[in-house]
Amino acid sequence: MLPFSQILRKPNQAFRTEKILAAIDLGTNSFHIVVVKLRPDGTLEYLTKEKESVRLGSGSSDYAVITDEAMDRGLACLKRFQSLAASYQAEIRAVATSALREAENRQVFLNRAEKETGIQIQVISGNEEARLIYLGILQGLPVFDKRILLIDIGGGSTELLVGEKGEILFSTSLKLGAIRLTEKYLKKDPLSATDIQKCRIHIESVLSAFLPQIETWKPFMVVGSSGTITSVTSIVLEKKMEKRDRLNGTEVTIDQFKEARKQILDADSLKKRLKIPGLDSKRGDIIVGGVLVLDEVLQRIKALSFTVSEFALREGIVYDTIESWFRRKDSTLPPLDNIREKAIKTVANLYPAGKKHAAAVVKTTLQMFDDLKDLHQLGNLERDYLETACYLHQVGLCISHHNYHKHSYYIIRNSEAMVGFSNAEIEIIALIARYHRKGGPKGKHEEFKALRPEDQLLVKKLAAFLRIGDGLDRSEKSIIERLDAVYEKGKVLCRLYHQKGTDPNLEIWSVEEKKDLFEETYGVSLEFQTFTL
C-alpha cells in the first residue's frame, strides 16, 4: 500500500473547481445512471445513482430491431435520467451496448434520443464494453496487480476479459445474454428439460472457441459483475442467512454456486423462481439463461470460486471520461492501483478540519507500532488497518461531537466510498475507530460480539495503539514530533520528543487516562518520558 500521508497531502491541481458527471449505461436489460462530483483534489463523491429495467432487447429474438414498445420505454427512461442529470448541472456521457449496436433501426432511437433529450449516445463495440467494465472493476476491487478473468453477463451479451495491471491480455464479447437466451430458448412457462438442454448446447458451442484461449492465461482470479452474478450471490447469502449492505468483494465458492444453480433450475416456472429467497423479482424470468452461461464458464475453467464486483460499466465510463478531462489539462488521473488510498481520502473529506490531527495521529501511532513489533506480532496488513482507522477516527465529528466515535463507526461501516476493502475489513477498521475514545471493547457490544474471536483480539490490539496516538495529539497542535518505544521485561517505555518552548502536559495527561486498554491487552505497564529536541 502506498503511504497515505503522501496522497492526502498532495492534491491534484488539474482542476480548480468541482466538475459533475452523469454516466449513463444503456444496457439490453436495464438502464443505469450514476452522478459523481470530481473534486479539485482528484477524489470522487457519488451524488446519486438509479437503475430502471427497460428491456430494450425484449420482443426481438435476433436483436434485428428495437420494437416500438421497447423504444418508448427506453426514451421515457432517458428523459427521466436527463432531468436527474440536469438537476445536478452534470455533463452527460451515455454509452449503449448490445441491443443498440445490433439493431438495424438503432439510428431511429439515437436520433429520437438526441432530439427529445439532447443526449448524444455513443454505441460501443463488445471489446470496448469489456474494456470499460474492466476499468470499472479496478475502481471497486484491489485487483490491479492480479491477473483476473472478468465475466460480465448482460442482457444481450457476455463479456469475457483477462486483464492484469490495467492491461487487457484477452477479451471477447459473445452473443450470450440473459434476455437473448430467454427469448430464443427459455420463453415457455413452465420450462422443459429439453429447452434447457438446447440452451446449454448453444452456450457450449459459442464458448468452445474461446475458453481454450482463456485457459492459456491461467492462473487467474475470477471476478463476476452485473445482474446474474449479483443475483446468484444474493441467493447464496440468503441461504447462509447472512445479511450484507454491499456485495462488492464477496467471494462465492463453486459449491455455493452449485447450490444456487440447483435452486434456480429446479424451479421450472416463474412462480416458483419468484419464491427463491434473495432473487430479485425483476430478474426471475431471465435468470436461468444467465446462470447457464455462468455455469458453463465456471465448469470449463475449473474455477474454485468467483469474487463479486458491484462496479462495472457505468463506473468504467466515469473513470474513462474523467481520464479524458485530465488529459485535456495535461495532467494525470491518480493510478488505478491505489483505490484504497482514494477511498480513505474520500471519506476523510467528510471532516476536512480533522486532517491535520489525523496526520499527527498516524505519525506517532505508526512509529509506536513499528517499534513494538516484537510485542504485538502483527504484520503489514494489520498496520494498514490501523493507519486507515487513524485517518478516519474523527470523521464522525461531521455529524456531532456527542458520541462522535460511534458516528465514525457508522460512517466507515456504511460509506459506499470504502471500496477496495472487504466487508470484514471495513468492520474491523470501523471498530478500531469506534474504540479510540471512551470505553473500550465489551462483550455486550453487538457489533464487537459478532466478530470472530481472533478479530475481536485484533480490534483490541489495534484500538489500543490508536488510543495512545490520539492522546498524544490531545491539543491538536502536533506537539509530539517524535516517539521511540522500547519493550523490555513486561514494560513499554515511550520516549516523547517535543520542541523547546512547547508544553506536552495535556498530551501526557491524556495518554495516562487512555493507556488502560493497551496495558490490559498486552499485559504490560506503559510509561512515558518527555525530552526536548
Protein backbone atom coordinates (compact mmCIF):
# COMPACT_ATOMS: atom_id res chain seq x y z
CA MET A 1 0.00 0.00 0.00
CA LEU A 2 1.26 3.50 -0.84
CA PRO A 3 1.87 5.88 2.08
CA PHE A 4 -1.48 7.57 2.68
CA SER A 5 0.20 10.69 4.05
CA GLN A 6 1.66 11.44 0.62
CA ILE A 7 -1.68 11.03 -1.09
CA LEU A 8 -3.64 13.05 1.46
CA ARG A 9 -1.20 15.96 1.32
CA LYS A 10 -0.73 16.24 -2.45
CA PRO A 11 -3.96 17.40 -4.07
CA ASN A 12 -4.16 17.06 -7.84
CA GLN A 13 -4.07 20.51 -9.43
CA ALA A 14 -5.74 19.58 -12.73
CA PHE A 15 -8.99 21.33 -11.74
CA ARG A 16 -9.56 24.48 -9.71
CA THR A 17 -13.30 23.91 -9.37
CA GLU A 18 -15.55 20.90 -8.95
CA LYS A 19 -16.92 19.13 -12.03
CA ILE A 20 -20.01 16.93 -12.14
CA LEU A 21 -20.53 13.99 -14.48
CA ALA A 22 -23.57 11.82 -15.19
CA ALA A 23 -22.61 8.46 -16.69
CA ILE A 24 -25.45 6.57 -18.39
CA ASP A 25 -25.25 2.89 -19.35
CA LEU A 26 -27.95 1.83 -21.82
CA GLY A 27 -27.95 -1.93 -21.40
CA THR A 28 -30.14 -4.54 -23.02
CA ASN A 29 -31.92 -5.30 -19.76
CA SER A 30 -31.51 -2.14 -17.67
CA PHE A 31 -30.51 1.48 -17.99
CA HIS A 32 -28.22 2.82 -15.27
CA ILE A 33 -27.18 6.34 -14.32
CA VAL A 34 -24.60 7.46 -11.78
CA VAL A 35 -23.88 11.12 -10.98
CA VAL A 36 -20.49 11.93 -9.46
CA LYS A 37 -18.68 15.07 -8.34
CA LEU A 38 -14.98 15.35 -9.13
CA ARG A 39 -13.25 17.47 -6.51
CA PRO A 40 -10.09 19.51 -7.21
CA ASP A 41 -8.07 17.04 -5.11
CA GLY A 42 -8.96 14.20 -7.50
CA THR A 43 -11.45 12.41 -5.25
CA LEU A 44 -14.97 11.46 -6.31
CA GLU A 45 -18.23 11.93 -4.44
CA TYR A 46 -21.12 9.78 -5.64
CA LEU A 47 -24.17 12.04 -5.61
CA THR A 48 -26.87 9.63 -6.80
CA LYS A 49 -27.46 6.50 -8.83
CA GLU A 50 -30.56 4.99 -10.39
CA LYS A 51 -31.45 1.85 -12.32
CA GLU A 52 -34.53 1.05 -14.41
CA SER A 53 -35.48 -2.24 -16.02
CA VAL A 54 -36.18 -1.16 -19.61
CA ARG A 55 -35.79 -4.44 -21.52
CA LEU A 56 -34.63 -2.66 -24.67
CA GLY A 57 -33.87 -6.04 -26.25
CA SER A 58 -37.19 -7.69 -25.50
CA GLY A 59 -39.51 -8.77 -28.29
CA SER A 60 -36.84 -9.45 -30.91
CA SER A 61 -35.04 -12.76 -30.53
CA ASP A 62 -32.46 -11.96 -33.18
CA TYR A 63 -31.99 -8.34 -31.98
CA ALA A 64 -32.56 -7.15 -35.56
CA VAL A 65 -34.88 -4.37 -34.43
CA ILE A 66 -35.88 -2.49 -31.32
CA THR A 67 -39.65 -2.73 -31.05
CA ASP A 68 -41.77 0.41 -30.79
CA GLU A 69 -42.77 -0.52 -27.23
CA ALA A 70 -39.15 -1.03 -26.15
CA MET A 71 -38.11 2.21 -27.85
CA ASP A 72 -40.80 4.16 -25.99
CA ARG A 73 -39.75 2.60 -22.66
CA GLY A 74 -36.12 3.47 -23.32
CA LEU A 75 -36.82 7.09 -24.32
CA ALA A 76 -39.10 7.64 -21.33
CA CYS A 77 -36.31 6.40 -19.06
CA LEU A 78 -33.73 8.61 -20.80
CA LYS A 79 -35.93 11.66 -20.26
CA ARG A 80 -36.05 10.93 -16.53
CA PHE A 81 -32.27 10.43 -16.44
CA GLN A 82 -31.72 13.68 -18.37
CA SER A 83 -33.86 15.56 -15.83
CA LEU A 84 -31.92 13.97 -12.97
CA ALA A 85 -28.57 14.96 -14.53
CA ALA A 86 -29.83 18.49 -15.18
CA SER A 87 -30.81 18.89 -11.53
CA TYR A 88 -27.11 18.48 -10.69
CA GLN A 89 -25.96 20.54 -13.73
CA ALA A 90 -23.98 17.48 -14.77
CA GLU A 91 -22.18 16.84 -18.02
CA ILE A 92 -23.64 13.66 -19.56
CA ARG A 93 -21.86 10.76 -21.21
CA ALA A 94 -24.17 7.99 -22.44
CA VAL A 95 -22.97 4.63 -23.72
CA ALA A 96 -25.07 1.91 -25.37
CA THR A 97 -24.25 -1.78 -25.66
CA SER A 98 -25.58 -4.95 -27.28
CA ALA A 99 -29.21 -4.11 -28.09
CA LEU A 100 -28.38 -0.86 -29.87
CA ARG A 101 -25.19 -1.97 -31.58
CA GLU A 102 -27.04 -4.86 -33.23
CA ALA A 103 -30.37 -3.22 -34.07
CA GLU A 104 -30.95 -2.26 -37.71
CA ASN A 105 -33.14 0.62 -36.58
CA ARG A 106 -30.72 1.91 -33.92
CA GLN A 107 -30.35 5.24 -35.72
CA VAL A 108 -34.05 5.89 -35.22
CA PHE A 109 -33.56 5.51 -31.46
CA LEU A 110 -30.35 7.59 -31.45
CA ASN A 111 -31.98 10.41 -33.42
CA ARG A 112 -35.06 10.47 -31.23
CA ALA A 113 -32.92 10.41 -28.08
CA GLU A 114 -30.89 13.42 -29.21
CA LYS A 115 -33.98 15.33 -30.40
CA GLU A 116 -36.12 14.60 -27.33
CA THR A 117 -33.48 14.69 -24.57
CA GLY A 118 -30.40 16.37 -26.07
CA ILE A 119 -28.35 13.29 -25.19
CA GLN A 120 -25.86 12.04 -27.77
CA ILE A 121 -25.44 8.29 -27.28
CA GLN A 122 -22.17 6.51 -28.03
CA VAL A 123 -22.74 2.95 -29.29
CA ILE A 124 -19.67 0.92 -28.34
CA SER A 125 -18.23 -2.37 -29.56
CA GLY A 126 -18.22 -5.51 -27.45
CA ASN A 127 -14.48 -5.24 -26.83
CA GLU A 128 -14.80 -1.59 -25.80
CA GLU A 129 -17.59 -2.62 -23.45
CA ALA A 130 -15.28 -5.22 -21.89
CA ARG A 131 -12.51 -2.61 -21.51
CA LEU A 132 -14.81 -0.16 -19.73
CA ILE A 133 -16.14 -2.89 -17.42
CA TYR A 134 -12.53 -3.76 -16.53
CA LEU A 135 -11.87 -0.10 -15.70
CA GLY A 136 -14.98 -0.14 -13.53
CA ILE A 137 -13.88 -3.24 -11.64
CA LEU A 138 -10.49 -1.69 -10.94
CA GLN A 139 -12.34 1.14 -9.16
CA GLY A 140 -14.01 -1.25 -6.72
CA LEU A 141 -11.70 -4.20 -6.06
CA PRO A 142 -7.98 -4.19 -5.14
CA VAL A 143 -7.07 -6.44 -8.08
CA PHE A 144 -4.85 -4.15 -10.16
CA ASP A 145 -1.75 -6.31 -9.64
CA LYS A 146 -3.64 -9.58 -10.06
CA ARG A 147 -4.40 -11.43 -13.27
CA ILE A 148 -8.17 -11.68 -13.40
CA LEU A 149 -10.77 -13.30 -15.60
CA LEU A 150 -13.74 -10.96 -15.84
CA ILE A 151 -17.18 -12.47 -16.51
CA ASP A 152 -19.94 -9.94 -17.18
CA ILE A 153 -23.29 -11.46 -18.22
CA GLY A 154 -25.62 -8.80 -19.56
CA GLY A 155 -29.00 -8.94 -21.22
CA GLY A 156 -27.71 -9.20 -24.77
CA SER A 157 -24.09 -10.30 -24.46
CA THR A 158 -21.46 -11.80 -22.21
CA GLU A 159 -18.07 -10.12 -21.95
CA LEU A 160 -15.02 -12.20 -21.05
CA LEU A 161 -11.71 -10.48 -20.38
CA VAL A 162 -8.34 -11.43 -18.96
CA GLY A 163 -6.53 -8.42 -17.53
CA GLU A 164 -3.51 -7.65 -15.39
CA LYS A 165 -2.11 -4.31 -14.14
CA GLY A 166 -4.62 -2.43 -16.25
CA GLU A 167 -3.57 -4.21 -19.44
CA ILE A 168 -6.00 -6.36 -21.45
CA LEU A 169 -4.47 -9.73 -22.30
CA PHE A 170 -7.60 -11.19 -23.91
CA SER A 171 -11.17 -10.03 -24.43
CA THR A 172 -14.24 -11.06 -26.37
CA SER A 173 -17.93 -10.25 -26.45
CA LEU A 174 -20.31 -13.14 -27.09
CA LYS A 175 -24.00 -13.12 -28.03
CA LEU A 176 -24.95 -14.99 -24.88
CA GLY A 177 -27.03 -12.51 -22.90
CA ALA A 178 -29.69 -13.49 -20.38
CA ILE A 179 -32.53 -11.85 -22.32
CA ARG A 180 -31.27 -13.11 -25.68
CA LEU A 181 -31.16 -16.72 -24.46
CA THR A 182 -34.53 -16.39 -22.78
CA GLU A 183 -36.18 -15.05 -25.94
CA LYS A 184 -34.66 -17.82 -28.05
CA TYR A 185 -34.86 -20.92 -25.83
CA LEU A 186 -36.48 -20.27 -22.45
CA LYS A 187 -39.77 -18.44 -23.04
CA LYS A 188 -42.06 -21.33 -22.10
CA ASP A 189 -43.53 -21.44 -18.64
CA PRO A 190 -43.00 -23.93 -17.17
CA LEU A 191 -39.60 -24.64 -18.69
CA SER A 192 -38.92 -28.10 -20.07
CA ALA A 193 -35.71 -30.08 -19.64
CA THR A 194 -35.45 -30.19 -23.43
CA ASP A 195 -35.45 -26.38 -23.72
CA ILE A 196 -32.78 -26.07 -21.05
CA GLN A 197 -30.67 -28.70 -22.78
CA LYS A 198 -30.97 -26.90 -26.14
CA CYS A 199 -29.86 -23.70 -24.46
CA ARG A 200 -26.89 -25.47 -22.84
CA ILE A 201 -25.77 -26.91 -26.19
CA HIS A 202 -25.95 -23.49 -27.80
CA ILE A 203 -23.90 -21.91 -24.98
CA GLU A 204 -21.29 -24.69 -25.21
CA SER A 205 -20.96 -24.23 -28.97
CA VAL A 206 -20.44 -20.45 -28.69
CA LEU A 207 -17.96 -20.71 -25.82
CA SER A 208 -15.99 -23.63 -27.24
CA ALA A 209 -13.82 -21.45 -29.47
CA PHE A 210 -12.81 -19.06 -26.69
CA LEU A 211 -12.45 -20.94 -23.41
CA PRO A 212 -9.29 -22.83 -24.53
CA GLN A 213 -7.70 -19.44 -25.30
CA ILE A 214 -8.67 -18.13 -21.88
CA GLU A 215 -7.24 -21.18 -20.12
CA THR A 216 -3.78 -20.40 -21.54
CA TRP A 217 -3.69 -17.34 -19.26
CA LYS A 218 -4.12 -19.33 -16.04
CA PRO A 219 -3.73 -18.94 -13.13
CA PHE A 220 -6.13 -16.06 -12.64
CA MET A 221 -8.67 -14.80 -10.15
CA VAL A 222 -12.29 -14.97 -11.39
CA VAL A 223 -14.32 -11.76 -11.00
CA GLY A 224 -18.01 -11.53 -11.90
CA SER A 225 -20.11 -8.40 -12.41
CA SER A 226 -23.67 -7.37 -13.35
CA GLY A 227 -27.12 -8.78 -12.63
CA THR A 228 -26.74 -12.55 -12.98
CA ILE A 229 -23.67 -12.56 -10.72
CA THR A 230 -25.20 -10.36 -8.03
CA SER A 231 -28.47 -12.32 -8.11
CA VAL A 232 -26.68 -15.63 -7.58
CA THR A 233 -24.67 -14.07 -4.75
CA SER A 234 -27.80 -12.76 -3.05
CA ILE A 235 -29.30 -16.26 -3.18
CA VAL A 236 -26.11 -17.71 -1.66
CA LEU A 237 -26.13 -15.18 1.19
CA GLU A 238 -29.82 -15.76 1.89
CA LYS A 239 -29.15 -19.49 2.20
CA LYS A 240 -26.35 -18.69 4.66
CA MET A 241 -28.78 -16.33 6.48
CA GLU A 242 -26.21 -13.61 6.03
CA LYS A 243 -27.33 -10.01 5.52
CA ARG A 244 -24.96 -7.57 3.78
CA ASP A 245 -25.38 -3.95 2.81
CA ARG A 246 -22.97 -4.45 -0.08
CA LEU A 247 -21.99 -7.42 -2.21
CA ASN A 248 -18.79 -5.91 -3.57
CA GLY A 249 -15.81 -8.14 -2.77
CA THR A 250 -17.95 -11.12 -1.69
CA GLU A 251 -16.42 -14.47 -2.61
CA VAL A 252 -18.72 -17.29 -3.74
CA THR A 253 -17.29 -20.81 -3.76
CA ILE A 254 -18.08 -23.23 -6.55
CA ASP A 255 -20.08 -25.41 -4.15
CA GLN A 256 -22.17 -22.43 -3.07
CA PHE A 257 -22.78 -21.56 -6.71
CA LYS A 258 -23.88 -25.12 -7.49
CA GLU A 259 -26.44 -24.99 -4.67
CA ALA A 260 -27.84 -21.71 -6.02
CA ARG A 261 -27.83 -23.08 -9.57
CA LYS A 262 -29.81 -26.13 -8.40
CA GLN A 263 -32.38 -23.90 -6.68
CA ILE A 264 -32.85 -21.91 -9.89
CA LEU A 265 -33.02 -24.83 -12.31
CA ASP A 266 -35.27 -26.88 -10.03
CA ALA A 267 -37.79 -24.02 -10.13
CA ASP A 268 -39.23 -24.75 -13.58
CA SER A 269 -41.80 -21.93 -13.53
CA LEU A 270 -41.57 -18.19 -12.96
CA LYS A 271 -43.91 -18.51 -9.99
CA LYS A 272 -41.52 -20.96 -8.32
CA ARG A 273 -38.45 -18.88 -9.11
CA LEU A 274 -40.00 -15.79 -7.57
CA LYS A 275 -40.17 -17.69 -4.28
CA ILE A 276 -36.38 -18.24 -4.20
CA PRO A 277 -35.06 -16.18 -1.25
CA GLY A 278 -32.69 -13.48 -2.42
CA LEU A 279 -33.72 -13.42 -6.09
CA ASP A 280 -34.78 -10.03 -7.45
CA SER A 281 -38.33 -10.39 -8.81
CA LYS A 282 -37.40 -8.35 -11.90
CA ARG A 283 -34.85 -10.98 -12.86
CA GLY A 284 -36.93 -14.10 -12.27
CA ASP A 285 -37.85 -14.56 -15.92
CA ILE A 286 -34.28 -14.26 -17.28
CA ILE A 287 -32.09 -15.70 -14.51
CA VAL A 288 -31.99 -19.23 -15.99
CA GLY A 289 -30.21 -18.11 -19.16
CA GLY A 290 -27.65 -16.12 -17.20
CA VAL A 291 -26.96 -18.96 -14.77
CA LEU A 292 -26.46 -21.45 -17.62
CA VAL A 293 -23.77 -19.18 -19.13
CA LEU A 294 -22.04 -18.72 -15.79
CA ASP A 295 -22.22 -22.46 -15.10
CA GLU A 296 -20.58 -23.36 -18.40
CA VAL A 297 -17.72 -20.87 -17.97
CA LEU A 298 -17.01 -21.88 -14.37
CA GLN A 299 -17.09 -25.58 -15.19
CA ARG A 300 -14.84 -25.30 -18.23
CA ILE A 301 -12.14 -23.27 -16.46
CA LYS A 302 -12.46 -25.44 -13.31
CA ALA A 303 -12.98 -22.36 -11.12
CA LEU A 304 -12.95 -22.86 -7.36
CA SER A 305 -14.71 -19.55 -6.67
CA PHE A 306 -15.53 -16.13 -8.04
CA THR A 307 -15.45 -12.67 -6.46
CA VAL A 308 -18.29 -10.20 -6.96
CA SER A 309 -17.80 -6.68 -8.29
CA GLU A 310 -20.68 -4.26 -7.91
CA PHE A 311 -18.63 -1.88 -10.05
CA ALA A 312 -18.99 -2.39 -13.78
CA LEU A 313 -19.68 -0.46 -16.97
CA ARG A 314 -21.02 2.80 -15.52
CA GLU A 315 -18.04 3.17 -13.17
CA GLY A 316 -15.77 2.43 -16.13
CA ILE A 317 -17.49 5.21 -18.07
CA VAL A 318 -16.85 7.56 -15.14
CA TYR A 319 -13.14 6.75 -14.98
CA ASP A 320 -12.65 6.84 -18.74
CA THR A 321 -14.41 10.20 -19.06
CA ILE A 322 -12.57 11.81 -16.18
CA GLU A 323 -9.28 10.50 -17.54
CA SER A 324 -10.02 12.33 -20.81
CA TRP A 325 -10.68 15.52 -18.82
CA PHE A 326 -7.30 15.17 -17.14
CA ARG A 327 -5.57 14.59 -20.48
CA ARG A 328 -7.01 17.85 -21.80
CA LYS A 329 -5.40 19.58 -18.81
CA ASP A 330 -2.03 17.88 -19.45
CA SER A 331 -2.43 16.15 -16.10
CA THR A 332 -2.88 12.57 -14.97
CA LEU A 333 -5.62 10.84 -13.03
CA PRO A 334 -4.47 9.03 -9.86
CA PRO A 335 -3.47 5.49 -10.84
CA LEU A 336 -5.84 2.53 -10.71
CA ASP A 337 -3.74 0.60 -8.20
CA ASN A 338 -4.44 2.90 -5.24
CA ILE A 339 -8.20 2.54 -4.80
CA ARG A 340 -7.89 2.03 -1.03
CA GLU A 341 -5.99 5.28 -0.66
CA LYS A 342 -8.58 7.13 -2.76
CA ALA A 343 -11.35 5.61 -0.62
CA ILE A 344 -9.72 6.87 2.58
CA LYS A 345 -9.18 10.30 1.11
CA THR A 346 -12.83 10.49 0.01
CA VAL A 347 -14.21 9.53 3.44
CA ALA A 348 -11.72 11.82 5.22
CA ASN A 349 -13.09 14.72 3.15
CA LEU A 350 -16.32 14.48 5.16
CA TYR A 351 -14.45 16.16 8.04
CA PRO A 352 -11.67 18.22 6.46
CA ALA A 353 -10.98 20.09 9.70
CA GLY A 354 -9.59 16.88 11.18
CA LYS A 355 -6.93 16.17 8.55
CA LYS A 356 -4.03 17.83 10.37
CA HIS A 357 -4.83 15.99 13.60
CA ALA A 358 -5.26 12.72 11.68
CA ALA A 359 -1.82 13.10 10.09
CA ALA A 360 -0.24 13.69 13.53
CA VAL A 361 -2.02 10.62 14.94
CA VAL A 362 -0.85 8.49 12.02
CA LYS A 363 2.74 9.58 12.54
CA THR A 364 3.05 8.79 16.25
CA THR A 365 0.79 5.72 16.21
CA LEU A 366 2.72 4.01 13.42
CA GLN A 367 6.08 4.94 14.99
CA MET A 368 4.95 3.15 18.14
CA PHE A 369 3.51 0.22 16.19
CA ASP A 370 6.74 -0.22 14.19
CA ASP A 371 8.93 -0.04 17.32
CA LEU A 372 6.90 -2.70 19.12
CA LYS A 373 6.73 -5.46 16.50
CA ASP A 374 8.10 -8.00 18.95
CA LEU A 375 5.24 -7.21 21.32
CA HIS A 376 2.23 -7.17 19.02
CA GLN A 377 3.42 -9.77 16.43
CA LEU A 378 1.30 -8.19 13.68
CA GLY A 379 2.14 -7.59 10.03
CA ASN A 380 1.73 -5.07 7.22
CA LEU A 381 -1.94 -5.84 6.60
CA GLU A 382 -2.85 -5.08 10.21
CA ARG A 383 -0.68 -1.96 10.02
CA ASP A 384 -2.80 -0.82 7.05
CA TYR A 385 -5.99 -1.31 9.08
CA LEU A 386 -4.52 0.79 11.89
CA GLU A 387 -3.37 3.51 9.50
CA THR A 388 -6.82 3.68 7.89
CA ALA A 389 -8.53 3.94 11.29
CA CYS A 390 -6.10 6.70 12.31
CA TYR A 391 -7.07 8.78 9.29
CA LEU A 392 -10.80 8.25 9.77
CA HIS A 393 -11.28 8.06 13.54
CA GLN A 394 -12.62 11.63 13.82
CA VAL A 395 -14.82 11.63 10.73
CA GLY A 396 -17.93 11.28 12.92
CA LEU A 397 -17.44 14.90 14.00
CA CYS A 398 -19.11 15.87 10.73
CA ILE A 399 -22.35 14.77 12.44
CA SER A 400 -21.85 15.99 16.03
CA HIS A 401 -19.33 15.98 18.86
CA HIS A 402 -21.57 13.95 21.14
CA ASN A 403 -20.63 10.27 20.74
CA TYR A 404 -18.70 11.13 17.58
CA HIS A 405 -16.68 7.91 17.87
CA LYS A 406 -19.93 6.00 17.30
CA HIS A 407 -20.75 8.24 14.35
CA SER A 408 -17.28 7.47 12.95
CA TYR A 409 -18.06 3.76 13.19
CA TYR A 410 -21.36 4.22 11.36
CA ILE A 411 -19.85 6.33 8.56
CA ILE A 412 -16.92 3.99 7.93
CA ARG A 413 -19.12 0.91 8.12
CA ASN A 414 -21.77 2.21 5.73
CA SER A 415 -19.95 4.52 3.34
CA GLU A 416 -20.16 3.43 -0.29
CA ALA A 417 -16.80 5.14 -0.75
CA MET A 418 -14.96 2.41 1.20
CA VAL A 419 -14.18 0.47 -1.96
CA GLY A 420 -11.20 -1.85 -2.13
CA PHE A 421 -11.86 -3.20 1.37
CA SER A 422 -13.87 -6.33 2.09
CA ASN A 423 -16.89 -6.22 4.39
CA ALA A 424 -14.88 -7.94 7.13
CA GLU A 425 -12.01 -5.44 6.77
CA ILE A 426 -14.38 -2.47 6.90
CA GLU A 427 -15.96 -3.80 10.09
CA ILE A 428 -12.55 -4.18 11.75
CA ILE A 429 -11.42 -0.68 10.71
CA ALA A 430 -14.72 0.87 11.81
CA LEU A 431 -14.48 -0.77 15.23
CA ILE A 432 -10.86 0.32 15.72
CA ALA A 433 -12.04 3.89 15.12
CA ARG A 434 -15.07 3.33 17.36
CA TYR A 435 -12.87 2.39 20.33
CA HIS A 436 -10.32 5.21 20.09
CA ARG A 437 -12.07 7.02 22.99
CA LYS A 438 -14.46 6.45 25.88
CA GLY A 439 -14.98 2.80 26.91
CA GLY A 440 -13.05 0.02 25.21
CA PRO A 441 -14.47 -3.09 23.51
CA LYS A 442 -17.01 -5.00 25.56
CA GLY A 443 -18.71 -8.33 25.01
CA LYS A 444 -22.14 -6.71 25.29
CA HIS A 445 -21.48 -4.51 22.23
CA GLU A 446 -23.39 -6.23 19.42
CA GLU A 447 -21.01 -5.31 16.58
CA PHE A 448 -17.95 -6.38 18.56
CA LYS A 449 -19.65 -9.57 19.75
CA ALA A 450 -20.41 -10.54 16.14
CA LEU A 451 -16.70 -10.70 15.24
CA ARG A 452 -14.71 -13.92 15.23
CA PRO A 453 -12.62 -14.27 18.43
CA GLU A 454 -9.38 -13.66 16.52
CA ASP A 455 -10.80 -10.46 15.03
CA GLN A 456 -12.01 -9.30 18.43
CA LEU A 457 -8.44 -9.60 19.69
CA LEU A 458 -7.14 -7.77 16.62
CA VAL A 459 -9.53 -4.86 17.22
CA LYS A 460 -8.35 -4.64 20.83
CA LYS A 461 -4.69 -4.71 19.83
CA LEU A 462 -5.03 -2.00 17.19
CA ALA A 463 -7.52 0.20 19.06
CA ALA A 464 -5.05 0.22 21.97
CA PHE A 465 -2.43 1.80 19.71
CA LEU A 466 -4.90 4.31 18.24
CA ARG A 467 -5.95 5.46 21.72
CA ILE A 468 -2.33 6.27 22.54
CA GLY A 469 -1.73 8.01 19.21
CA ASP A 470 -4.89 10.09 19.58
CA GLY A 471 -3.98 11.04 23.13
CA LEU A 472 -0.53 12.20 22.07
CA ASP A 473 -2.16 14.95 19.99
CA ARG A 474 -4.78 15.92 22.55
CA SER A 475 -4.14 19.61 21.98
CA GLU A 476 -4.24 19.06 18.19
CA LYS A 477 -1.07 21.18 17.88
CA SER A 478 1.29 18.36 16.78
CA ILE A 479 3.48 19.00 19.84
CA ILE A 480 4.95 15.47 19.90
CA GLU A 481 7.30 15.40 16.93
CA ARG A 482 8.89 12.02 17.50
CA LEU A 483 8.29 8.88 19.50
CA ASP A 484 10.61 6.00 20.37
CA ALA A 485 9.13 2.94 22.08
CA VAL A 486 11.07 0.16 23.78
CA TYR A 487 9.70 -3.12 25.15
CA GLU A 488 11.65 -4.82 27.96
CA LYS A 489 10.67 -7.17 30.81
CA GLY A 490 6.95 -6.51 30.91
CA LYS A 491 7.26 -2.76 30.42
CA VAL A 492 6.92 -0.45 27.44
CA LEU A 493 8.75 2.85 27.69
CA CYS A 494 7.78 5.61 25.25
CA ARG A 495 10.22 8.49 24.83
CA LEU A 496 8.40 11.56 23.54
CA TYR A 497 10.28 14.40 21.85
CA HIS A 498 8.98 17.97 21.51
CA GLN A 499 10.39 21.37 20.64
CA LYS A 500 11.71 23.63 23.37
CA GLY A 501 9.02 26.08 24.42
CA THR A 502 6.11 23.69 23.79
CA ASP A 503 4.20 22.11 26.65
CA PRO A 504 3.22 18.40 26.31
CA ASN A 505 1.47 18.17 29.70
CA LEU A 506 -2.00 17.89 28.15
CA GLU A 507 -0.80 15.03 25.93
CA ILE A 508 0.78 13.21 28.90
CA TRP A 509 -2.40 13.58 30.94
CA SER A 510 -4.47 12.27 28.02
CA VAL A 511 -2.41 9.12 27.39
CA GLU A 512 -2.28 8.32 31.10
CA GLU A 513 -6.10 8.36 31.01
CA LYS A 514 -6.27 6.19 27.87
CA LYS A 515 -3.49 3.64 28.35
CA ASP A 516 -5.57 1.07 30.25
CA LEU A 517 -6.67 -0.82 27.11
CA PHE A 518 -3.05 -1.10 25.96
CA GLU A 519 -1.83 -2.39 29.32
CA GLU A 520 -4.74 -4.83 29.62
CA THR A 521 -4.45 -6.18 26.07
CA TYR A 522 -0.68 -6.63 26.03
CA GLY A 523 -0.12 -7.44 29.71
CA VAL A 524 2.50 -4.72 30.18
CA SER A 525 2.93 -1.44 32.02
CA LEU A 526 3.20 1.65 29.83
CA GLU A 527 5.32 4.65 30.82
CA PHE A 528 6.11 7.95 29.12
CA GLN A 529 9.15 10.20 29.31
CA THR A 530 9.47 13.60 27.60
CA PHE A 531 12.56 15.17 26.02
CA THR A 532 13.18 18.44 24.21
CA LEU A 533 14.68 18.48 20.73
